[in-house]
Structure formats: structure tokens, C-alpha cells
Amino acid sequence: MKKGLLILSLVLLASVLVYGASGCSKQSAQSTGLGAGSAGPGAGSTEQGEQSGMPVPGSDVKDTGVVSGGNDAGTSSAKYTIEITSAGFSPNTLKVKIGDSVTFINKDSAKHWPASDVHPTHTLYPGTNIGTCFSGTEAEKAKMFDSCRALEQGESWSFTFNEKGKWGYHDHRAETLVGTIEVA
């Protein structure tokens, strides 16, 4: 597990260096290479073009914990990262566009399970229901805003948003940890 964390850290560092060298005030959007839904638990999440909740020096993103989408109509989808810690999701509010992907990374030593509101059914995001986690097909699970299991420390799970709206989410294992993703 330490080797995996080291590799993840090196990939994250390399991504930051590549982005910093580009000189862009906003990160370039990249195609996710994913269909609708998730890349599955443990999927890599540190490709060039990924956006995190951390403000970028010189950008128009303020240090409010709110990040807005960076792609325009007709361009590739953007990628965002939300870190999960014992304090919650960071950022806990995110604005994205249809087709953008969000990767949740567990930075805590405790397990965390990101899922659509409302606890415990997870039915707010269309096509999502916790029951499908246990009895649905892989195709059904891929369309759900639900990791369908707790993520270990260092693990990640990605979801591509294809429905407009304001989507509340929470940690199924600690339902007081909440956030919102607004899809335009």
C-alpha cells in the first residue's frame, strides 16, 4: 500500500509540474476516455487537464472552496478532483459542465463511500439507488453517482456527470460529510 501511495504521489506531482509548465491560468480540459459513469474504484485520476479544488495562482478561482468548470461548449470534458479527509470533502461545492468527470480521492486513513444524496437510499441523482450496488449489472452501476463501496486510503473513484442539476452527495459511512456538485 505504501508503494501505491508513493506512485500516486509521484503521478500527482508530475501532473502539477506539467500543468505549471503550461502557463495556463485555467487547466486545459481533456477527454476522460470514460463512458457515462465511473471508472471504478481505484481508477487513476491524475492525467493532465485534471482540476482540483485548490486555486491556481493567477486564475480567477478564489479560495472559497467553490470551483467552476473550465470547458466551453464543443471542447473536451474537464476533470476535477475532490479529496476526502476526516473533515469532509474538499472542495465541498463544485460547478461543472455536462460530460465533466469528478474523481474522489480518499486522503484519510478511514474508509469513505461517496454517494448521491439522500442517505441512505442514494436516489437523488437519476438512475442511482443503493440497491443497484448490490444487485445491479455493471452497466447499471456505471451510470450511478455512487462508488458502491467504501474507498480505502489512497483509493479513488471517478464519475462523469451527464445530467444537469444541483446534486447533493454525502459519505455513506459518515452521512454528516456532505457536498454539492452543480452541473450546467
Protein backbone atom coordinates (compact mmCIF):
# COMPACT_ATOMS: atom_id res chain seq x y z
CA MET A 1 0.00 0.00 0.00
CA LYS A 2 2.92 2.39 0.71
CA LYS A 3 4.28 1.71 -2.77
CA GLY A 4 0.87 2.59 -4.26
CA LEU A 5 0.74 5.85 -2.29
CA LEU A 6 4.26 6.71 -3.42
CA ILE A 7 3.35 6.10 -7.05
CA LEU A 8 0.13 8.13 -6.69
CA SER A 9 2.10 10.97 -5.08
CA LEU A 10 4.68 10.93 -7.87
CA VAL A 11 1.97 10.97 -10.55
CA LEU A 12 0.21 13.87 -8.78
CA LEU A 13 3.50 15.77 -8.55
CA ALA A 14 4.22 15.15 -12.22
CA SER A 15 0.72 16.38 -13.12
CA VAL A 16 1.24 19.57 -11.13
CA LEU A 17 4.60 20.16 -12.81
CA VAL A 18 3.15 19.57 -16.29
CA TYR A 19 0.29 21.93 -15.57
CA GLY A 20 2.58 24.57 -14.07
CA ALA A 21 4.85 24.42 -17.11
CA SER A 22 1.91 25.05 -19.45
CA GLY A 23 1.49 28.60 -18.14
CA CYS A 24 -2.28 28.43 -18.40
CA SER A 25 -4.47 30.31 -15.92
CA LYS A 26 -7.09 27.60 -16.30
CA GLN A 27 -6.29 23.97 -16.77
CA SER A 28 -6.88 22.52 -20.20
CA ALA A 29 -9.76 20.13 -20.50
CA GLN A 30 -9.03 16.62 -21.62
CA SER A 31 -11.35 13.88 -22.76
CA THR A 32 -11.93 11.46 -19.92
CA GLY A 33 -11.80 8.34 -22.04
CA LEU A 34 -14.68 7.07 -19.92
CA GLY A 35 -18.22 6.42 -20.96
CA ALA A 36 -21.06 7.55 -18.79
CA GLY A 37 -20.44 6.56 -15.23
CA SER A 38 -17.44 5.56 -13.24
CA ALA A 39 -14.00 4.31 -13.93
CA GLY A 40 -14.41 2.07 -10.93
CA PRO A 41 -12.75 2.07 -7.55
CA GLY A 42 -9.03 2.58 -7.64
CA ALA A 43 -9.10 4.16 -11.09
CA GLY A 44 -6.26 6.53 -11.86
CA SER A 45 -7.12 10.17 -11.65
CA THR A 46 -4.05 12.21 -12.29
CA GLU A 47 -3.90 12.89 -16.00
CA GLN A 48 -3.05 16.27 -17.48
CA GLY A 49 -6.11 18.51 -17.57
CA GLU A 50 -7.42 17.42 -14.18
CA GLN A 51 -8.73 20.19 -11.98
CA SER A 52 -8.75 20.17 -8.21
CA GLY A 53 -10.35 22.29 -5.56
CA MET A 54 -7.07 24.10 -5.00
CA PRO A 55 -6.99 27.60 -6.51
CA VAL A 56 -4.36 28.09 -9.18
CA PRO A 57 -2.16 31.19 -8.76
CA GLY A 58 -3.15 33.80 -11.34
CA SER A 59 -6.51 32.16 -12.05
CA ASP A 60 -9.96 33.58 -11.48
CA VAL A 61 -10.78 30.84 -8.96
CA LYS A 62 -10.99 32.35 -5.47
CA ASP A 63 -10.11 30.45 -2.30
CA THR A 64 -13.76 29.78 -1.44
CA GLY A 65 -13.85 26.03 -1.87
CA VAL A 66 -16.03 26.52 -4.97
CA VAL A 67 -14.56 25.57 -8.32
CA SER A 68 -16.26 26.32 -11.62
CA GLY A 69 -15.99 24.24 -14.78
CA GLY A 70 -13.37 25.23 -17.28
CA ASN A 71 -14.58 23.88 -20.60
CA ASP A 72 -16.64 25.63 -23.27
CA ALA A 73 -19.27 24.06 -25.48
CA GLY A 74 -17.70 21.94 -28.18
CA THR A 75 -14.49 21.23 -26.28
CA SER A 76 -13.33 18.15 -24.46
CA SER A 77 -14.58 17.37 -20.99
CA ALA A 78 -12.78 18.65 -17.92
CA LYS A 79 -11.62 16.62 -14.94
CA TYR A 80 -11.87 17.64 -11.31
CA THR A 81 -10.63 16.16 -8.05
CA ILE A 82 -12.36 16.13 -4.69
CA GLU A 83 -10.27 14.98 -1.74
CA ILE A 84 -11.94 13.17 1.15
CA THR A 85 -10.50 13.65 4.64
CA SER A 86 -11.80 13.24 8.16
CA ALA A 87 -13.00 16.87 7.89
CA GLY A 88 -15.07 16.13 4.77
CA PHE A 89 -14.93 16.78 1.04
CA SER A 90 -12.59 19.42 -0.41
CA PRO A 91 -13.92 21.29 -2.20
CA ASN A 92 -17.39 20.50 -0.98
CA THR A 93 -19.03 22.67 -3.65
CA LEU A 94 -18.12 22.27 -7.30
CA LYS A 95 -19.55 23.64 -10.57
CA VAL A 96 -19.01 21.52 -13.69
CA LYS A 97 -20.47 21.06 -17.14
CA ILE A 98 -22.23 18.08 -18.72
CA GLY A 99 -19.63 15.43 -19.54
CA ASP A 100 -17.11 16.58 -16.94
CA SER A 101 -15.62 13.97 -14.61
CA VAL A 102 -15.05 14.22 -10.89
CA THR A 103 -12.59 11.95 -9.11
CA PHE A 104 -12.97 11.39 -5.39
CA ILE A 105 -9.68 10.51 -3.66
CA ASN A 106 -9.65 9.19 -0.10
CA LYS A 107 -6.85 11.03 1.71
CA ASP A 108 -8.00 9.78 5.13
CA SER A 109 -6.93 6.65 7.00
CA ALA A 110 -10.63 5.81 7.50
CA LYS A 111 -12.73 4.39 4.66
CA HIS A 112 -15.14 6.74 2.84
CA TRP A 113 -18.03 6.00 0.43
CA PRO A 114 -19.03 8.93 -1.84
CA ALA A 115 -22.64 8.67 -2.98
CA SER A 116 -25.58 10.70 -4.23
CA ASP A 117 -27.96 12.07 -1.63
CA VAL A 118 -30.36 11.17 0.02
CA HIS A 119 -28.89 8.98 2.75
CA PRO A 120 -29.33 6.00 2.94
CA THR A 121 -31.07 5.34 -0.42
CA HIS A 122 -28.80 7.43 -2.71
CA THR A 123 -31.65 8.21 -5.13
CA LEU A 124 -31.18 11.95 -5.82
CA TYR A 125 -29.06 11.56 -8.98
CA PRO A 126 -31.12 9.97 -11.81
CA GLY A 127 -30.57 6.21 -12.16
CA THR A 128 -28.87 5.95 -8.78
CA ASN A 129 -30.12 3.67 -6.00
CA ILE A 130 -28.06 1.92 -3.34
CA GLY A 131 -29.93 -1.33 -4.06
CA THR A 132 -28.36 -1.41 -7.53
CA CYS A 133 -24.92 -1.51 -5.88
CA PHE A 134 -25.71 -4.99 -4.62
CA SER A 135 -27.96 -6.41 -7.34
CA GLY A 136 -27.39 -4.33 -10.48
CA THR A 137 -25.38 -5.07 -13.58
CA GLU A 138 -22.02 -3.40 -14.18
CA ALA A 139 -23.66 -1.24 -16.88
CA GLU A 140 -26.28 -0.03 -14.36
CA LYS A 141 -23.61 0.66 -11.74
CA ALA A 142 -21.53 2.65 -14.26
CA LYS A 143 -24.40 5.17 -14.61
CA MET A 144 -24.72 5.72 -10.86
CA PHE A 145 -23.34 8.59 -8.80
CA ASP A 146 -22.30 6.11 -6.12
CA SER A 147 -18.97 4.37 -5.58
CA CYS A 148 -20.96 1.35 -4.31
CA ARG A 149 -18.33 0.63 -1.68
CA ALA A 150 -16.01 2.33 0.75
CA LEU A 151 -12.71 3.57 -0.62
CA GLU A 152 -9.54 2.68 1.24
CA GLN A 153 -6.91 5.34 1.96
CA GLY A 154 -5.30 6.39 -1.34
CA GLU A 155 -8.06 4.85 -3.47
CA SER A 156 -10.05 6.90 -5.95
CA TRP A 157 -13.35 6.64 -7.81
CA SER A 158 -14.44 8.72 -10.80
CA PHE A 159 -17.86 9.69 -12.13
CA THR A 160 -18.83 11.52 -15.30
CA PHE A 161 -21.85 13.81 -14.88
CA ASN A 162 -24.36 13.61 -17.72
CA GLU A 163 -27.40 15.14 -16.02
CA LYS A 164 -27.91 18.87 -15.46
CA GLY A 165 -28.88 19.92 -11.96
CA LYS A 166 -27.64 20.55 -8.46
CA TRP A 167 -26.63 17.20 -6.98
CA GLY A 168 -26.07 16.81 -3.27
CA TYR A 169 -23.82 13.98 -2.14
CA HIS A 170 -22.52 12.54 1.10
CA ASP A 171 -20.25 9.93 2.64
CA HIS A 172 -22.42 6.85 3.19
CA ARG A 173 -20.20 5.82 6.12
CA ALA A 174 -20.32 9.30 7.71
CA GLU A 175 -23.51 10.94 6.44
CA THR A 176 -22.69 14.31 8.03
CA LEU A 177 -19.87 14.75 5.48
CA VAL A 178 -21.69 16.37 2.56
CA GLY A 179 -21.14 18.34 -0.63
CA THR A 180 -22.82 19.62 -3.79
CA ILE A 181 -21.97 19.36 -7.46
CA GLU A 182 -23.79 21.70 -9.81
CA VAL A 183 -23.89 20.54 -13.44
CA ALA A 184 -24.70 23.17 -16.10
